[in-house]
Amino acid sequence: MKKHFACAAFTYAVLAMIFGVFYREFTKFSGFAGQTTLSVVHTHYFLLGMIFCLMMLMLEKLFSFLPHGKGGKLLLLYHVGLNVTCLGLFLRGLAQAQGLALSSGLDASLSGVCGIGHALLGIGMLWMLWRVRGAVSAAEK
């Protein structure tokens, strides 16, 4: 599992840099000067992707909260939640930067995608922290 967290942290760092550069260049090229959710894709990938995975790597090293071969569903849930959230933010940001008027149905569906992603991400994060809590308690005994 340690290798998984290290690889995931590296991947999310690369994605964060790509989306940060994309945000800067796309809005500059489009002549857009307002607020857009494209800017938060970068921070979501850095904080919830790279930093969180690095923290989980350290906690896994200390407490082995994910026994070998276990935790695949948990990690999948977390990664799907983060990437669905970022996809929704990215799509909404593209529409904002292009000045597209979204229909109420499309606007609601983009909000729904982000909401589902955040819910999955939150469940995955709490589930992982629950496992860490259990491992820390077991280590203290």
C-alpha atoms as a PDB file:
ATOM      1  CA  MET A   1       0.000   0.000   0.000  1.00  0.00           C
ATOM      2  CA  LYS A   2       2.889   2.369   0.622  1.00  0.00           C
ATOM      3  CA  LYS A   3       3.831   2.225  -3.052  1.00  0.00           C
ATOM      4  CA  HIS A   4       0.216   2.974  -3.999  1.00  0.00           C
ATOM      5  CA  PHE A   5       0.162   6.130  -1.868  1.00  0.00           C
ATOM      6  CA  ALA A   6       3.540   7.279  -3.219  1.00  0.00           C
ATOM      7  CA  CYS A   7       2.478   6.738  -6.841  1.00  0.00           C
ATOM      8  CA  ALA A   8      -0.893   8.403  -6.246  1.00  0.00           C
ATOM      9  CA  ALA A   9       0.771  11.434  -4.623  1.00  0.00           C
ATOM     10  CA  PHE A  10       3.118  11.801  -7.590  1.00  0.00           C
ATOM     11  CA  THR A  11       0.260  11.408 -10.099  1.00  0.00           C
ATOM     12  CA  TYR A  12      -1.886  13.988  -8.318  1.00  0.00           C
ATOM     13  CA  ALA A  13       1.063  16.420  -8.170  1.00  0.00           C
ATOM     14  CA  VAL A  14       1.481  16.120 -11.935  1.00  0.00           C
ATOM     15  CA  LEU A  15      -2.271  16.560 -12.496  1.00  0.00           C
ATOM     16  CA  ALA A  16      -2.292  19.615 -10.217  1.00  0.00           C
ATOM     17  CA  MET A  17       0.521  21.216 -12.199  1.00  0.00           C
ATOM     18  CA  ILE A  18      -1.130  20.416 -15.525  1.00  0.00           C
ATOM     19  CA  PHE A  19      -4.459  21.903 -14.432  1.00  0.00           C
ATOM     20  CA  GLY A  20      -2.743  24.929 -12.883  1.00  0.00           C
ATOM     21  CA  VAL A  21      -0.957  25.719 -16.138  1.00  0.00           C
ATOM     22  CA  PHE A  22      -4.120  24.972 -18.132  1.00  0.00           C
ATOM     23  CA  TYR A  23      -6.140  27.380 -15.971  1.00  0.00           C
ATOM     24  CA  ARG A  24      -3.592  30.168 -16.352  1.00  0.00           C
ATOM     25  CA  GLU A  25      -3.080  29.743 -20.091  1.00  0.00           C
ATOM     26  CA  PHE A  26      -6.692  28.994 -21.024  1.00  0.00           C
ATOM     27  CA  THR A  27      -8.087  32.034 -19.225  1.00  0.00           C
ATOM     28  CA  LYS A  28      -5.322  34.224 -20.646  1.00  0.00           C
ATOM     29  CA  PHE A  29      -5.926  32.911 -24.175  1.00  0.00           C
ATOM     30  CA  SER A  30      -9.706  33.317 -23.782  1.00  0.00           C
ATOM     31  CA  GLY A  31      -9.333  36.846 -22.432  1.00  0.00           C
ATOM     32  CA  PHE A  32     -11.283  35.837 -19.320  1.00  0.00           C
ATOM     33  CA  ALA A  33     -10.518  37.890 -16.218  1.00  0.00           C
ATOM     34  CA  GLY A  34     -13.248  36.840 -13.749  1.00  0.00           C
ATOM     35  CA  GLN A  35     -13.619  34.057 -11.224  1.00  0.00           C
ATOM     36  CA  THR A  36     -13.888  30.486 -12.467  1.00  0.00           C
ATOM     37  CA  THR A  37     -13.866  27.076 -10.830  1.00  0.00           C
ATOM     38  CA  LEU A  38     -10.950  26.121 -13.081  1.00  0.00           C
ATOM     39  CA  SER A  39      -8.724  27.673 -10.421  1.00  0.00           C
ATOM     40  CA  VAL A  40      -9.807  25.215  -7.718  1.00  0.00           C
ATOM     41  CA  VAL A  41      -9.092  22.059  -9.738  1.00  0.00           C
ATOM     42  CA  HIS A  42      -5.395  22.776  -9.196  1.00  0.00           C
ATOM     43  CA  THR A  43      -5.791  23.139  -5.417  1.00  0.00           C
ATOM     44  CA  HIS A  44      -8.093  20.110  -5.110  1.00  0.00           C
ATOM     45  CA  TYR A  45      -5.493  17.893  -6.771  1.00  0.00           C
ATOM     46  CA  PHE A  46      -2.641  19.312  -4.697  1.00  0.00           C
ATOM     47  CA  LEU A  47      -4.328  19.213  -1.304  1.00  0.00           C
ATOM     48  CA  LEU A  48      -6.789  16.335  -1.544  1.00  0.00           C
ATOM     49  CA  GLY A  49      -4.628  14.364  -3.943  1.00  0.00           C
ATOM     50  CA  MET A  50      -0.946  14.840  -3.292  1.00  0.00           C
ATOM     51  CA  ILE A  51      -0.882  16.091   0.319  1.00  0.00           C
ATOM     52  CA  PHE A  52      -3.549  13.670   1.566  1.00  0.00           C
ATOM     53  CA  CYS A  53      -1.819  10.706  -0.096  1.00  0.00           C
ATOM     54  CA  LEU A  54       1.535  11.732   1.390  1.00  0.00           C
ATOM     55  CA  MET A  55      -0.060  11.936   4.833  1.00  0.00           C
ATOM     56  CA  MET A  56      -1.650   8.511   4.347  1.00  0.00           C
ATOM     57  CA  LEU A  57       1.740   7.162   3.220  1.00  0.00           C
ATOM     58  CA  MET A  58       3.309   8.287   6.491  1.00  0.00           C
ATOM     59  CA  LEU A  59       0.420   6.919   8.553  1.00  0.00           C
ATOM     60  CA  GLU A  60       0.543   3.610   6.676  1.00  0.00           C
ATOM     61  CA  LYS A  61       4.267   3.388   7.403  1.00  0.00           C
ATOM     62  CA  LEU A  62       3.685   4.043  11.105  1.00  0.00           C
ATOM     63  CA  PHE A  63       0.501   2.076  11.773  1.00  0.00           C
ATOM     64  CA  SER A  64      -0.196  -0.252   8.801  1.00  0.00           C
ATOM     65  CA  PHE A  65      -3.859   0.692   8.830  1.00  0.00           C
ATOM     66  CA  LEU A  66      -4.498  -1.053   5.495  1.00  0.00           C
ATOM     67  CA  PRO A  67      -3.470  -4.718   5.825  1.00  0.00           C
ATOM     68  CA  HIS A  68      -1.860  -6.257   2.746  1.00  0.00           C
ATOM     69  CA  GLY A  69      -4.460  -6.911   0.065  1.00  0.00           C
ATOM     70  CA  LYS A  70      -7.155  -4.971   1.943  1.00  0.00           C
ATOM     71  CA  GLY A  71      -8.398  -1.482   1.306  1.00  0.00           C
ATOM     72  CA  GLY A  72      -8.830  -1.646  -2.470  1.00  0.00           C
ATOM     73  CA  LYS A  73     -12.473  -0.564  -2.310  1.00  0.00           C
ATOM     74  CA  LEU A  74     -11.617   2.203   0.102  1.00  0.00           C
ATOM     75  CA  LEU A  75      -8.872   3.601  -2.104  1.00  0.00           C
ATOM     76  CA  LEU A  76     -11.016   3.260  -5.216  1.00  0.00           C
ATOM     77  CA  LEU A  77     -13.831   5.186  -3.534  1.00  0.00           C
ATOM     78  CA  TYR A  78     -11.462   7.992  -2.542  1.00  0.00           C
ATOM     79  CA  HIS A  79      -9.837   8.270  -5.978  1.00  0.00           C
ATOM     80  CA  VAL A  80     -13.163   8.132  -7.843  1.00  0.00           C
ATOM     81  CA  GLY A  81     -14.584  10.803  -5.531  1.00  0.00           C
ATOM     82  CA  LEU A  82     -11.634  13.131  -6.041  1.00  0.00           C
ATOM     83  CA  ASN A  83     -11.551  12.719  -9.816  1.00  0.00           C
ATOM     84  CA  VAL A  84     -15.339  13.046 -10.273  1.00  0.00           C
ATOM     85  CA  THR A  85     -15.237  16.216  -8.172  1.00  0.00           C
ATOM     86  CA  CYS A  86     -12.397  17.653 -10.252  1.00  0.00           C
ATOM     87  CA  LEU A  87     -14.138  16.686 -13.490  1.00  0.00           C
ATOM     88  CA  GLY A  88     -17.277  18.550 -12.453  1.00  0.00           C
ATOM     89  CA  LEU A  89     -15.263  21.596 -11.389  1.00  0.00           C
ATOM     90  CA  PHE A  90     -13.293  21.495 -14.639  1.00  0.00           C
ATOM     91  CA  LEU A  91     -16.412  21.327 -16.828  1.00  0.00           C
ATOM     92  CA  ARG A  92     -18.116  24.135 -14.919  1.00  0.00           C
ATOM     93  CA  GLY A  93     -14.934  26.224 -15.131  1.00  0.00           C
ATOM     94  CA  LEU A  94     -14.714  25.730 -18.892  1.00  0.00           C
ATOM     95  CA  ALA A  95     -18.297  26.934 -19.274  1.00  0.00           C
ATOM     96  CA  GLN A  96     -17.603  29.943 -17.036  1.00  0.00           C
ATOM     97  CA  ALA A  97     -14.426  30.916 -18.887  1.00  0.00           C
ATOM     98  CA  GLN A  98     -16.187  30.637 -22.239  1.00  0.00           C
ATOM     99  CA  GLY A  99     -19.156  32.661 -20.973  1.00  0.00           C
ATOM    100  CA  LEU A 100     -21.611  29.914 -21.838  1.00  0.00           C
ATOM    101  CA  ALA A 101     -25.134  30.294 -20.526  1.00  0.00           C
ATOM    102  CA  LEU A 102     -26.000  26.881 -19.139  1.00  0.00           C
ATOM    103  CA  SER A 103     -29.554  25.619 -19.169  1.00  0.00           C
ATOM    104  CA  SER A 104     -31.014  24.966 -15.741  1.00  0.00           C
ATOM    105  CA  GLY A 105     -30.833  21.210 -16.390  1.00  0.00           C
ATOM    106  CA  LEU A 106     -27.160  21.290 -17.374  1.00  0.00           C
ATOM    107  CA  ASP A 107     -26.335  23.610 -14.483  1.00  0.00           C
ATOM    108  CA  ALA A 108     -28.074  21.239 -12.060  1.00  0.00           C
ATOM    109  CA  SER A 109     -26.365  18.197 -13.545  1.00  0.00           C
ATOM    110  CA  LEU A 110     -22.911  19.792 -13.169  1.00  0.00           C
ATOM    111  CA  SER A 111     -23.767  20.626  -9.567  1.00  0.00           C
ATOM    112  CA  GLY A 112     -24.922  17.035  -9.118  1.00  0.00           C
ATOM    113  CA  VAL A 113     -21.670  15.641 -10.513  1.00  0.00           C
ATOM    114  CA  CYS A 114     -19.652  17.818  -8.138  1.00  0.00           C
ATOM    115  CA  GLY A 115     -21.949  16.914  -5.253  1.00  0.00           C
ATOM    116  CA  ILE A 116     -21.672  13.173  -5.898  1.00  0.00           C
ATOM    117  CA  GLY A 117     -17.902  13.498  -6.211  1.00  0.00           C
ATOM    118  CA  HIS A 118     -17.656  15.421  -2.944  1.00  0.00           C
ATOM    119  CA  ALA A 119     -19.877  12.868  -1.191  1.00  0.00           C
ATOM    120  CA  LEU A 120     -17.754   9.939  -2.407  1.00  0.00           C
ATOM    121  CA  LEU A 121     -14.593  11.813  -1.513  1.00  0.00           C
ATOM    122  CA  GLY A 122     -15.884  12.612   1.967  1.00  0.00           C
ATOM    123  CA  ILE A 123     -16.983   9.026   2.610  1.00  0.00           C
ATOM    124  CA  GLY A 124     -13.636   7.708   1.369  1.00  0.00           C
ATOM    125  CA  MET A 125     -11.710  10.170   3.507  1.00  0.00           C
ATOM    126  CA  LEU A 126     -13.715   9.437   6.659  1.00  0.00           C
ATOM    127  CA  TRP A 127     -13.483   5.687   6.047  1.00  0.00           C
ATOM    128  CA  MET A 128      -9.705   5.946   5.663  1.00  0.00           C
ATOM    129  CA  LEU A 129      -9.379   8.082   8.794  1.00  0.00           C
ATOM    130  CA  TRP A 130     -11.583   5.595  10.658  1.00  0.00           C
ATOM    131  CA  ARG A 131      -9.103   2.862   9.704  1.00  0.00           C
ATOM    132  CA  VAL A 132      -6.214   5.056  10.877  1.00  0.00           C
ATOM    133  CA  ARG A 133      -8.007   5.675  14.179  1.00  0.00           C
ATOM    134  CA  GLY A 134      -8.463   1.950  14.703  1.00  0.00           C
ATOM    135  CA  ALA A 135      -4.823   1.226  13.907  1.00  0.00           C
ATOM    136  CA  VAL A 136      -3.621   3.934  16.287  1.00  0.00           C
ATOM    137  CA  SER A 137      -5.845   2.563  19.056  1.00  0.00           C
ATOM    138  CA  ALA A 138      -4.549  -0.957  18.441  1.00  0.00           C
ATOM    139  CA  ALA A 139      -0.947   0.291  18.521  1.00  0.00           C
ATOM    140  CA  GLU A 140      -1.500   1.962  21.917  1.00  0.00           C
ATOM    141  CA  LYS A 141      -2.675  -1.297  23.513  1.00  0.00           C
END
